[in-house]
Amino acid sequence: MNIVRVAVVGGGVSGLAAAHRLRTLLGPAAEVVVLEQRDRLGGVLRTVDLAGVPYDVGAEAFLWRRPEARALLDELGLADEVVHPAGAAPSVRAGGGTVPLPPGTLLGVPTSGARLDGVLSPAGTAAAHAERDLLLAWTAGADVALGGLLRERFGDELADRLADPLLGGVYAGRVDVLGLRATLPAVAAALDAGAPSLTAAADRATAVPASRAAPGVRQPESTPSADPSGAPVDPVFGALRGGYATLVDALVAAVDVRLSTTVRALHRLPDGWRLVLRPGQDALDVDAVVLAVPAPAVARLLAEVVPAAARVAGEIELASSVVVALAYRDADAQRLPMTSGVLVAAGEPLSIKAATHSSRKWAHLAAAATDGLVRLRTSLGRFGEEATLQVDDAELIARSRADLAVLAGITATPVAVHVQRWGGGLPQYAVGHLDRVRAIEDATAAVPGLAVAGAALHGVGVPACVGTARLAAERVAAQLTDGRMGAWHASTTPR
């Protein structure tokens, strides 16, 4: 029997999860190789040593209500490593002040029970509350820029002070650029079903727990505040006690990994695929390929073999960001608020877009403070701000420290710092994103032995990436094991 060979291009969480699933489905005899152009695995998952403690400087947590990450952790025997936030509440910096993040909103879209008077002015609060009585003209199936819709319905303050900082935290995006249907699918579905206002749509969207959501309705990637009353609900986020490195290490245990390996081109063969690597590296012939790379790389690799998918993937733009992790002596951080962190509205005269008070937010990091240190991280960079990040690490640290002095009264020199740059780290879900994704998936589905996974498709969070990886692996494995690859010769004409 011939040995089945599958290549997974991309060593981020999507690629690693796809490779792990392929190994499970195809068995130990199959060759599953992960090709990663960088010298490390994990993509936007990265755990570093911050003053002697494992600390995540990429994705920090995953949405607990989505099942994909939980199921994978169970499968890997890592369920006991999961931790949840300690209960400290988040805050937002807007209008020149820092106030608690109001409960009862869905990524900034208020439910009927939302309390907005803390973050909005009296006039802004009145405008937001009046939305439910405004006539709403909505065409089922339509997609619009979320910012424009929010400004029209609630006024500028809600868009600028609440929705924009929340979306900046999830996508590094701008509320006026991101599309409603991809970022808030449950709200769009409620509008399609006849909700008479955005407030009513948010009420309906938050009334359905993620575990009982309709098939195909993607859950939001950030804190839903599902109970309009603000009452406590099940944990929203989960993380790993030892950082995401724990997950990455477990996923690579049973697959072949090749680092510093760049796939320059992808060619179809009569019975499989040829991956052309960088000069000095031999080409790799395989039976099937899973592409788990950013949208621009998908566009480049599919340009000749599936031009319809490549053209659409090339329309998905990326945002860059930076995380600055800092450790301070506890005596120097006495004024750090007892909150999980602060989101910063774009109009504030500050450089950072958020600060996470990690030692307040996570009990396992608070327990590590027996060393007398407090750990936190700042985030910089929104879509379109790439030029502002093109400075050296010292300048990024200086900007973060200046803002922490304003927000948290911390003026001392940190005892440890790590700067992590994420160039093009987050895809932007613009208007029409779901149509683009559908076009990519339809075009690649017609080509045997090829599948696409990753954050550019159905969500930027870890659970969503794992979900796309699993589906891609299952589709390819099914074709390899049930004889459908015999149809290869009939489908060699590129679309």
Protein backbone atom coordinates (compact mmCIF):
# COMPACT_ATOMS: atom_id res chain seq x y z
CA MET A 1 0.00 0.00 0.00
CA ASN A 2 1.27 3.46 -0.89
CA ILE A 3 1.92 5.78 2.04
CA VAL A 4 -0.38 8.79 2.10
CA ARG A 5 1.46 12.11 2.27
CA VAL A 6 -0.19 15.38 3.27
CA ALA A 7 1.45 18.78 3.58
CA VAL A 8 0.10 21.48 5.88
CA VAL A 9 1.45 24.88 4.93
CA GLY A 10 1.59 27.13 7.99
CA GLY A 11 2.61 26.31 11.55
CA GLY A 12 0.15 28.51 13.43
CA VAL A 13 -2.64 27.09 15.54
CA SER A 14 -4.76 26.42 12.44
CA GLY A 15 -2.02 24.46 10.71
CA LEU A 16 -1.05 22.54 13.82
CA ALA A 17 -4.66 21.67 14.63
CA ALA A 18 -5.19 20.51 11.04
CA ALA A 19 -2.07 18.34 11.18
CA HIS A 20 -3.14 16.83 14.49
CA ARG A 21 -6.57 16.00 13.09
CA LEU A 22 -5.05 14.49 9.94
CA ARG A 23 -2.81 12.29 12.05
CA THR A 24 -5.83 11.09 14.03
CA LEU A 25 -7.88 10.35 10.91
CA LEU A 26 -5.16 8.87 8.68
CA GLY A 27 -3.32 6.88 11.31
CA PRO A 28 0.36 6.53 12.20
CA ALA A 29 1.43 5.25 8.78
CA ALA A 30 0.54 8.47 6.97
CA GLU A 31 3.13 11.18 6.47
CA VAL A 32 1.87 14.53 7.77
CA VAL A 33 4.35 17.36 7.42
CA VAL A 34 3.95 20.95 8.60
CA LEU A 35 5.90 23.55 6.65
CA GLU A 36 6.54 26.83 8.48
CA GLN A 37 8.56 29.68 6.99
CA ARG A 38 9.55 31.13 10.35
CA ASP A 39 11.93 29.56 12.87
CA ARG A 40 9.21 28.82 15.40
CA LEU A 41 5.69 27.40 15.57
CA GLY A 42 2.48 28.84 16.94
CA GLY A 43 1.75 31.79 14.68
CA VAL A 44 0.11 34.47 16.82
CA LEU A 45 0.33 32.15 19.81
CA ARG A 46 3.55 32.85 21.66
CA THR A 47 4.56 32.29 25.26
CA VAL A 48 7.69 33.95 26.61
CA ASP A 49 9.46 33.98 29.94
CA LEU A 50 8.54 37.27 31.61
CA ALA A 51 10.63 37.56 34.75
CA GLY A 52 10.52 33.81 35.34
CA VAL A 53 6.83 33.19 34.54
CA PRO A 54 5.29 31.83 31.29
CA TYR A 55 3.42 34.73 29.73
CA ASP A 56 1.45 34.96 26.49
CA VAL A 57 2.35 37.88 24.23
CA GLY A 58 0.04 36.99 21.35
CA ALA A 59 -3.47 35.69 21.74
CA GLU A 60 -4.16 35.76 25.45
CA ALA A 61 -7.33 33.70 25.89
CA PHE A 62 -10.04 31.85 24.01
CA LEU A 63 -13.80 32.16 24.01
CA TRP A 64 -14.98 29.48 26.45
CA ARG A 65 -18.52 29.31 25.08
CA ARG A 66 -17.35 28.01 21.73
CA PRO A 67 -16.73 24.25 21.83
CA GLU A 68 -13.82 23.81 19.43
CA ALA A 69 -10.90 24.75 21.69
CA ARG A 70 -12.42 22.94 24.68
CA ALA A 71 -12.82 19.75 22.65
CA LEU A 72 -9.25 19.93 21.39
CA LEU A 73 -7.85 20.49 24.88
CA ASP A 74 -9.85 17.52 26.15
CA GLU A 75 -8.50 15.37 23.33
CA LEU A 76 -4.94 16.40 24.15
CA GLY A 77 -5.38 15.79 27.87
CA LEU A 78 -4.97 19.47 28.72
CA ALA A 79 -8.37 20.13 30.31
CA ASP A 80 -6.81 20.41 33.76
CA GLU A 81 -4.54 23.20 32.51
CA VAL A 82 -7.46 25.52 31.73
CA VAL A 83 -7.90 28.60 33.90
CA HIS A 84 -10.54 31.34 33.85
CA PRO A 85 -10.40 35.05 34.70
CA ALA A 86 -10.44 35.82 38.40
CA GLY A 87 -13.47 38.11 38.23
CA ALA A 88 -11.93 41.57 37.93
CA ALA A 89 -14.07 43.75 35.66
CA PRO A 90 -12.81 45.56 32.53
CA SER A 91 -12.84 49.31 32.01
CA VAL A 92 -12.75 51.73 29.10
CA ARG A 93 -10.96 55.04 28.63
CA ALA A 94 -13.21 57.44 26.74
CA GLY A 95 -14.13 61.10 26.95
CA GLY A 96 -11.04 61.79 29.00
CA GLY A 97 -12.00 59.43 31.84
CA THR A 98 -11.71 55.77 32.75
CA VAL A 99 -14.98 54.06 33.67
CA PRO A 100 -16.23 50.47 34.00
CA LEU A 101 -17.08 48.82 30.70
CA PRO A 102 -20.87 48.87 30.69
CA PRO A 103 -22.60 45.49 30.92
CA GLY A 104 -25.37 44.42 28.63
CA THR A 105 -23.73 45.07 25.26
CA LEU A 106 -22.66 42.84 22.40
CA LEU A 107 -19.34 44.17 21.11
CA GLY A 108 -20.66 47.64 21.85
CA VAL A 109 -24.19 47.16 20.51
CA PRO A 110 -26.43 47.83 23.52
CA THR A 111 -29.22 45.57 24.65
CA SER A 112 -32.31 47.06 26.27
CA GLY A 113 -30.68 46.55 29.68
CA ALA A 114 -27.36 48.24 28.89
CA ARG A 115 -26.22 50.96 31.27
CA LEU A 116 -24.39 53.53 29.18
CA ASP A 117 -24.44 56.66 31.34
CA GLY A 118 -20.94 56.02 32.65
CA VAL A 119 -19.20 55.95 29.29
CA LEU A 120 -21.47 58.27 27.27
CA SER A 121 -22.46 61.87 27.90
CA PRO A 122 -26.10 62.57 28.87
CA ALA A 123 -26.82 63.51 25.27
CA GLY A 124 -25.08 60.38 23.97
CA THR A 125 -26.96 58.19 26.42
CA ALA A 126 -30.28 59.71 25.41
CA ALA A 127 -29.50 59.18 21.72
CA ALA A 128 -28.60 55.55 22.35
CA HIS A 129 -31.76 54.86 24.35
CA ALA A 130 -33.90 56.48 21.64
CA GLU A 131 -32.69 53.98 19.01
CA ARG A 132 -35.31 51.38 19.81
CA ASP A 133 -38.05 53.80 18.74
CA LEU A 134 -36.47 54.80 15.41
CA LEU A 135 -37.87 53.33 12.23
CA LEU A 136 -35.44 50.73 10.89
CA ALA A 137 -35.16 50.02 7.18
CA TRP A 138 -33.35 46.72 6.74
CA THR A 139 -33.03 44.38 3.76
CA ALA A 140 -32.61 40.75 4.74
CA GLY A 141 -29.20 39.46 3.73
CA ALA A 142 -27.67 42.92 3.48
CA ASP A 143 -24.23 43.75 4.82
CA VAL A 144 -23.09 47.21 5.88
CA ALA A 145 -20.18 48.82 7.70
CA LEU A 146 -20.88 48.41 11.39
CA GLY A 147 -19.67 51.92 12.24
CA GLY A 148 -21.99 53.64 9.80
CA LEU A 149 -24.97 51.69 11.10
CA LEU A 150 -24.13 52.43 14.74
CA ARG A 151 -23.61 56.12 14.07
CA GLU A 152 -26.91 56.35 12.21
CA ARG A 153 -28.83 54.52 14.91
CA PHE A 154 -27.08 55.47 18.18
CA GLY A 155 -24.90 58.47 17.42
CA ASP A 156 -21.14 58.95 17.20
CA GLU A 157 -20.38 58.60 20.89
CA LEU A 158 -21.42 54.98 21.15
CA ALA A 159 -19.47 54.06 18.02
CA ASP A 160 -16.33 55.92 19.12
CA ARG A 161 -16.32 55.29 22.86
CA LEU A 162 -17.61 51.74 23.05
CA ALA A 163 -17.81 49.74 19.81
CA ASP A 164 -14.52 50.97 18.33
CA PRO A 165 -12.31 50.10 21.32
CA LEU A 166 -13.99 46.70 21.68
CA LEU A 167 -13.49 45.85 18.03
CA GLY A 168 -9.97 47.25 18.15
CA GLY A 169 -9.24 44.70 20.84
CA VAL A 170 -10.59 41.79 18.80
CA TYR A 171 -9.58 42.60 15.22
CA ALA A 172 -7.18 45.54 15.58
CA GLY A 173 -9.84 47.02 13.31
CA ARG A 174 -11.88 50.17 12.89
CA VAL A 175 -15.59 50.18 13.53
CA ASP A 176 -16.18 52.15 10.34
CA VAL A 177 -14.44 49.52 8.19
CA LEU A 178 -15.55 46.21 9.67
CA GLY A 179 -18.70 44.60 8.30
CA LEU A 180 -21.76 43.84 10.42
CA ARG A 181 -22.45 40.37 9.05
CA ALA A 182 -18.98 38.94 9.75
CA THR A 183 -18.30 40.63 13.10
CA LEU A 184 -21.80 40.37 14.60
CA PRO A 185 -23.51 37.51 12.74
CA ALA A 186 -26.10 36.94 15.45
CA VAL A 187 -27.21 40.58 15.26
CA ALA A 188 -27.40 40.39 11.47
CA ALA A 189 -29.48 37.21 11.75
CA ALA A 190 -31.86 38.90 14.18
CA LEU A 191 -32.28 41.83 11.80
CA ASP A 192 -32.96 39.40 8.95
CA ALA A 193 -35.61 37.77 11.12
CA GLY A 194 -37.41 41.07 11.62
CA ALA A 195 -35.98 42.69 14.74
CA PRO A 196 -37.42 46.24 14.72
CA SER A 197 -34.23 47.92 15.99
CA LEU A 198 -30.58 47.23 16.67
CA THR A 199 -31.36 47.18 20.38
CA ALA A 200 -33.98 44.50 19.81
CA ALA A 201 -31.55 42.58 17.59
CA ALA A 202 -28.94 42.64 20.37
CA ASP A 203 -31.60 41.42 22.83
CA ARG A 204 -32.41 38.49 20.57
CA ALA A 205 -28.76 37.72 19.83
CA THR A 206 -27.76 37.58 23.49
CA ALA A 207 -30.78 35.47 24.47
CA VAL A 208 -29.35 32.35 22.77
CA PRO A 209 -26.39 30.67 24.50
CA ALA A 210 -23.55 29.72 22.18
CA SER A 211 -24.11 26.04 22.95
CA ARG A 212 -27.60 26.28 21.46
CA ALA A 213 -26.89 28.68 18.61
CA ALA A 214 -28.29 27.79 15.23
CA PRO A 215 -25.87 25.85 12.98
CA GLY A 216 -23.82 28.17 10.85
CA VAL A 217 -24.30 31.20 13.11
CA ARG A 218 -20.78 32.11 14.22
CA GLN A 219 -20.57 33.42 17.75
CA PRO A 220 -18.77 36.71 18.45
CA GLU A 221 -15.11 36.65 19.35
CA SER A 222 -15.30 38.94 22.36
CA THR A 223 -17.18 39.38 25.60
CA PRO A 224 -20.91 39.16 24.81
CA SER A 225 -22.23 40.28 28.24
CA ALA A 226 -25.09 37.93 27.47
CA ASP A 227 -27.25 38.84 30.45
CA PRO A 228 -28.70 42.33 29.87
CA SER A 229 -29.08 42.76 33.61
CA GLY A 230 -25.35 42.42 34.08
CA ALA A 231 -25.81 39.34 36.28
CA PRO A 232 -22.90 36.86 36.38
CA VAL A 233 -22.90 34.18 33.71
CA ASP A 234 -20.71 31.20 32.91
CA PRO A 235 -17.02 31.95 32.25
CA VAL A 236 -16.55 33.85 29.03
CA PHE A 237 -12.83 33.22 28.52
CA GLY A 238 -10.35 30.47 29.18
CA ALA A 239 -6.56 30.33 29.07
CA LEU A 240 -3.81 27.83 29.83
CA ARG A 241 -1.88 27.93 33.06
CA GLY A 242 1.43 27.43 31.30
CA GLY A 243 0.54 29.65 28.36
CA TYR A 244 -0.32 28.66 24.80
CA ALA A 245 3.09 27.00 24.48
CA THR A 246 1.45 24.07 26.29
CA LEU A 247 -1.02 23.66 23.43
CA VAL A 248 1.59 24.11 20.71
CA ASP A 249 3.88 21.49 22.27
CA ALA A 250 1.04 18.98 22.52
CA LEU A 251 -0.06 19.50 18.90
CA VAL A 252 3.37 18.89 17.37
CA ALA A 253 3.99 15.63 19.21
CA ALA A 254 2.88 13.35 16.35
CA VAL A 255 3.68 15.33 13.18
CA ASP A 256 6.78 16.10 11.13
CA VAL A 257 7.69 19.79 11.33
CA ARG A 258 10.00 21.68 9.01
CA LEU A 259 10.87 25.18 10.16
CA SER A 260 12.41 27.94 8.05
CA THR A 261 10.75 26.38 5.02
CA THR A 262 9.08 28.72 2.55
CA VAL A 263 6.58 27.37 0.02
CA ARG A 264 7.08 29.51 -3.07
CA ALA A 265 4.57 27.88 -5.41
CA LEU A 266 1.96 25.16 -5.62
CA HIS A 267 1.57 23.03 -8.76
CA ARG A 268 -0.96 20.35 -9.61
CA LEU A 269 0.30 16.94 -10.68
CA PRO A 270 -1.71 14.15 -12.32
CA ASP A 271 -1.99 12.41 -8.95
CA GLY A 272 -1.30 15.07 -6.35
CA TRP A 273 0.58 18.29 -5.66
CA ARG A 274 4.10 19.64 -5.90
CA LEU A 275 5.23 22.27 -3.42
CA VAL A 276 8.09 24.37 -4.75
CA LEU A 277 10.28 25.51 -1.86
CA ARG A 278 12.89 28.23 -1.61
CA PRO A 279 16.22 27.83 -3.46
CA GLY A 280 18.35 25.13 -1.92
CA GLN A 281 15.34 23.13 -0.70
CA ASP A 282 13.99 20.18 -2.69
CA ALA A 283 10.42 20.28 -3.97
CA LEU A 284 7.91 18.23 -2.02
CA ASP A 285 5.36 15.97 -3.74
CA VAL A 286 2.27 15.07 -1.73
CA ASP A 287 -1.21 13.65 -2.17
CA ALA A 288 -3.01 16.58 -0.55
CA VAL A 289 -2.40 20.07 0.82
CA VAL A 290 -3.99 22.15 3.57
CA LEU A 291 -3.22 25.86 3.37
CA ALA A 292 -3.28 27.43 6.83
CA VAL A 293 -1.59 30.73 6.02
CA PRO A 294 -2.67 34.41 5.95
CA ALA A 295 -4.92 35.55 3.11
CA PRO A 296 -2.14 37.17 1.02
CA ALA A 297 -0.21 33.87 1.06
CA VAL A 298 -3.36 31.98 0.07
CA ALA A 299 -3.78 34.39 -2.84
CA ARG A 300 -0.18 33.89 -3.95
CA LEU A 301 -0.17 30.09 -3.71
CA LEU A 302 -3.53 29.63 -5.45
CA ALA A 303 -2.98 32.20 -8.19
CA GLU A 304 -2.30 29.55 -10.85
CA VAL A 305 -4.18 26.52 -9.55
CA VAL A 306 -7.41 28.10 -8.24
CA PRO A 307 -7.45 31.69 -9.56
CA ALA A 308 -11.05 32.32 -8.46
CA ALA A 309 -10.13 31.67 -4.83
CA ALA A 310 -6.85 33.56 -5.14
CA ARG A 311 -8.54 36.67 -6.47
CA VAL A 312 -10.97 36.86 -3.56
CA ALA A 313 -8.35 36.00 -0.91
CA GLY A 314 -6.29 38.90 -2.20
CA GLU A 315 -9.09 41.28 -1.22
CA ILE A 316 -8.78 40.47 2.50
CA GLU A 317 -6.62 43.12 4.18
CA LEU A 318 -4.50 42.72 7.31
CA ALA A 319 -3.79 44.83 10.37
CA SER A 320 -0.55 44.95 12.33
CA SER A 321 -0.16 45.32 16.07
CA VAL A 322 2.36 45.18 18.90
CA VAL A 323 2.19 43.72 22.41
CA VAL A 324 4.48 45.13 25.08
CA ALA A 325 4.70 42.90 28.16
CA LEU A 326 6.03 44.46 31.36
CA ALA A 327 6.79 43.27 34.87
CA TYR A 328 6.94 45.76 37.76
CA ARG A 329 7.78 45.50 41.41
CA ASP A 330 4.58 45.34 43.38
CA ALA A 331 5.63 48.41 45.36
CA ASP A 332 5.88 50.34 42.09
CA ALA A 333 2.42 49.30 40.88
CA GLN A 334 0.34 50.12 43.95
CA ARG A 335 -1.92 52.42 41.93
CA LEU A 336 -2.70 49.80 39.28
CA PRO A 337 -6.51 49.61 39.26
CA MET A 338 -8.15 46.45 40.52
CA THR A 339 -9.59 45.81 37.06
CA SER A 340 -8.81 43.24 34.39
CA GLY A 341 -7.61 46.03 32.12
CA VAL A 342 -8.65 49.03 30.09
CA LEU A 343 -9.73 49.53 26.49
CA VAL A 344 -8.82 52.88 24.95
CA ALA A 345 -11.07 54.73 22.52
CA ALA A 346 -9.30 55.84 19.35
CA GLY A 347 -9.95 59.53 20.03
CA GLU A 348 -8.02 59.56 23.31
CA PRO A 349 -4.59 61.28 23.31
CA LEU A 350 -2.84 57.98 24.09
CA SER A 351 -0.71 55.62 22.02
CA ILE A 352 -1.95 52.27 23.28
CA LYS A 353 -5.32 50.77 22.39
CA ALA A 354 -5.56 48.58 25.50
CA ALA A 355 -3.79 47.45 28.64
CA THR A 356 -4.37 44.09 30.30
CA HIS A 357 -3.71 43.95 34.03
CA SER A 358 -2.71 40.30 33.89
CA SER A 359 -1.90 39.85 37.57
CA ARG A 360 -5.37 41.21 38.40
CA LYS A 361 -7.16 39.30 35.65
CA TRP A 362 -5.69 35.81 36.06
CA ALA A 363 -5.46 34.04 39.40
CA HIS A 364 -2.53 31.86 38.32
CA LEU A 365 -0.51 34.98 37.50
CA ALA A 366 -1.57 36.60 40.75
CA ALA A 367 -0.30 33.51 42.54
CA ALA A 368 3.02 33.93 40.75
CA ALA A 369 3.32 37.34 42.39
CA THR A 370 5.05 35.72 45.37
CA ASP A 371 8.14 36.98 43.58
CA GLY A 372 6.95 40.49 44.34
CA LEU A 373 6.17 41.32 40.71
CA VAL A 374 3.07 42.51 38.88
CA ARG A 375 2.71 41.63 35.20
CA LEU A 376 0.72 43.43 32.54
CA ARG A 377 0.68 44.05 28.80
CA THR A 378 -0.18 46.89 26.49
CA SER A 379 -1.40 46.64 22.89
CA LEU A 380 -0.69 49.15 20.13
CA GLY A 381 -1.82 49.32 16.54
CA ARG A 382 -5.11 49.49 14.67
CA PHE A 383 -5.89 48.94 11.01
CA GLY A 384 -4.22 51.68 8.98
CA GLU A 385 -1.72 52.57 11.71
CA GLU A 386 1.20 50.48 10.43
CA ALA A 387 3.37 53.58 10.01
CA THR A 388 3.03 54.49 13.69
CA LEU A 389 4.50 51.10 14.61
CA GLN A 390 7.60 51.53 12.44
CA VAL A 391 9.75 52.69 15.34
CA ASP A 392 12.26 50.80 17.46
CA ASP A 393 11.39 48.77 20.53
CA ALA A 394 12.65 51.46 22.87
CA GLU A 395 10.10 53.93 21.47
CA LEU A 396 7.22 51.42 21.79
CA ILE A 397 8.21 50.78 25.40
CA ALA A 398 8.41 54.52 26.06
CA ARG A 399 4.94 55.08 24.61
CA SER A 400 3.51 52.26 26.70
CA ARG A 401 5.13 53.54 29.88
CA ALA A 402 3.90 57.07 29.25
CA ASP A 403 0.34 55.84 28.87
CA LEU A 404 0.57 53.58 31.92
CA ALA A 405 1.62 56.61 33.91
CA VAL A 406 -1.62 58.32 32.85
CA LEU A 407 -3.91 55.33 33.19
CA ALA A 408 -2.42 53.50 36.18
CA GLY A 409 -0.06 55.93 37.87
CA ILE A 410 2.94 53.68 37.19
CA THR A 411 6.09 55.74 36.67
CA ALA A 412 8.80 53.32 37.79
CA THR A 413 11.14 51.44 35.47
CA PRO A 414 9.93 47.88 34.76
CA VAL A 415 12.16 45.01 35.85
CA ALA A 416 11.43 43.02 32.66
CA VAL A 417 10.03 43.91 29.24
CA HIS A 418 9.26 41.96 26.07
CA VAL A 419 8.17 43.58 22.79
CA GLN A 420 6.28 41.35 20.36
CA ARG A 421 5.46 42.66 16.90
CA TRP A 422 2.64 41.12 14.89
CA GLY A 423 3.06 42.36 11.32
CA GLY A 424 -0.12 41.59 9.41
CA GLY A 425 -1.33 39.50 12.31
CA LEU A 426 -5.08 40.06 12.04
CA PRO A 427 -7.35 39.82 8.96
CA GLN A 428 -9.96 42.54 8.57
CA TYR A 429 -13.56 41.38 8.23
CA ALA A 430 -14.79 44.12 5.93
CA VAL A 431 -18.23 44.45 4.35
CA GLY A 432 -18.86 41.39 2.18
CA HIS A 433 -16.38 39.21 4.06
CA LEU A 434 -18.69 36.21 4.28
CA ASP A 435 -19.25 36.34 0.53
CA ARG A 436 -15.49 36.30 0.00
CA VAL A 437 -15.08 33.34 2.32
CA ARG A 438 -17.87 31.47 0.57
CA ALA A 439 -16.19 32.08 -2.78
CA ILE A 440 -12.84 30.80 -1.47
CA GLU A 441 -14.40 27.69 0.04
CA ASP A 442 -16.58 26.91 -2.98
CA ALA A 443 -13.67 27.24 -5.40
CA THR A 444 -11.27 25.11 -3.35
CA ALA A 445 -13.92 22.49 -2.55
CA ALA A 446 -14.10 21.67 -6.26
CA VAL A 447 -10.39 20.78 -6.31
CA PRO A 448 -9.52 17.33 -4.89
CA GLY A 449 -6.79 17.21 -2.28
CA LEU A 450 -6.91 20.88 -1.34
CA ALA A 451 -8.40 22.73 1.62
CA VAL A 452 -7.96 26.11 3.31
CA ALA A 453 -8.08 26.95 7.03
CA GLY A 454 -7.24 29.87 9.27
CA ALA A 455 -8.21 33.18 10.80
CA ALA A 456 -9.12 34.74 7.46
CA LEU A 457 -12.27 32.61 7.25
CA HIS A 458 -14.77 32.29 10.08
CA GLY A 459 -13.23 34.06 13.08
CA VAL A 460 -9.92 35.29 14.42
CA GLY A 461 -10.13 33.54 17.80
CA VAL A 462 -8.46 30.23 18.60
CA PRO A 463 -11.73 28.23 18.66
CA ALA A 464 -12.72 29.50 15.22
CA CYS A 465 -9.27 28.69 13.83
CA VAL A 466 -9.41 25.20 15.30
CA GLY A 467 -12.86 24.75 13.77
CA THR A 468 -11.68 25.63 10.26
CA ALA A 469 -8.64 23.39 10.71
CA ARG A 470 -10.74 20.43 11.73
CA LEU A 471 -13.11 20.82 8.77
CA ALA A 472 -10.22 21.18 6.32
CA ALA A 473 -8.50 18.08 7.68
CA GLU A 474 -11.68 16.04 7.62
CA ARG A 475 -12.46 16.97 4.03
CA VAL A 476 -8.98 16.06 2.80
CA ALA A 477 -8.86 12.84 4.83
CA ALA A 478 -12.25 11.76 3.48
CA GLN A 479 -11.05 12.23 -0.09
CA LEU A 480 -7.88 10.27 0.59
CA THR A 481 -9.62 7.34 2.24
CA ASP A 482 -12.88 6.81 0.36
CA GLY A 483 -11.64 6.73 -3.21
CA ARG A 484 -12.76 10.15 -4.30
CA MET A 485 -9.19 11.01 -5.29
CA GLY A 486 -9.79 8.75 -8.27
CA ALA A 487 -11.69 11.65 -9.81
CA TRP A 488 -8.47 13.67 -9.87
CA HIS A 489 -7.82 13.27 -13.58
CA ALA A 490 -11.25 14.69 -14.40
CA SER A 491 -10.56 17.87 -12.48
CA THR A 492 -7.11 18.94 -13.55
CA THR A 493 -8.28 22.07 -15.33
CA PRO A 494 -7.67 25.07 -13.00
CA ARG A 495 -10.71 27.10 -12.13
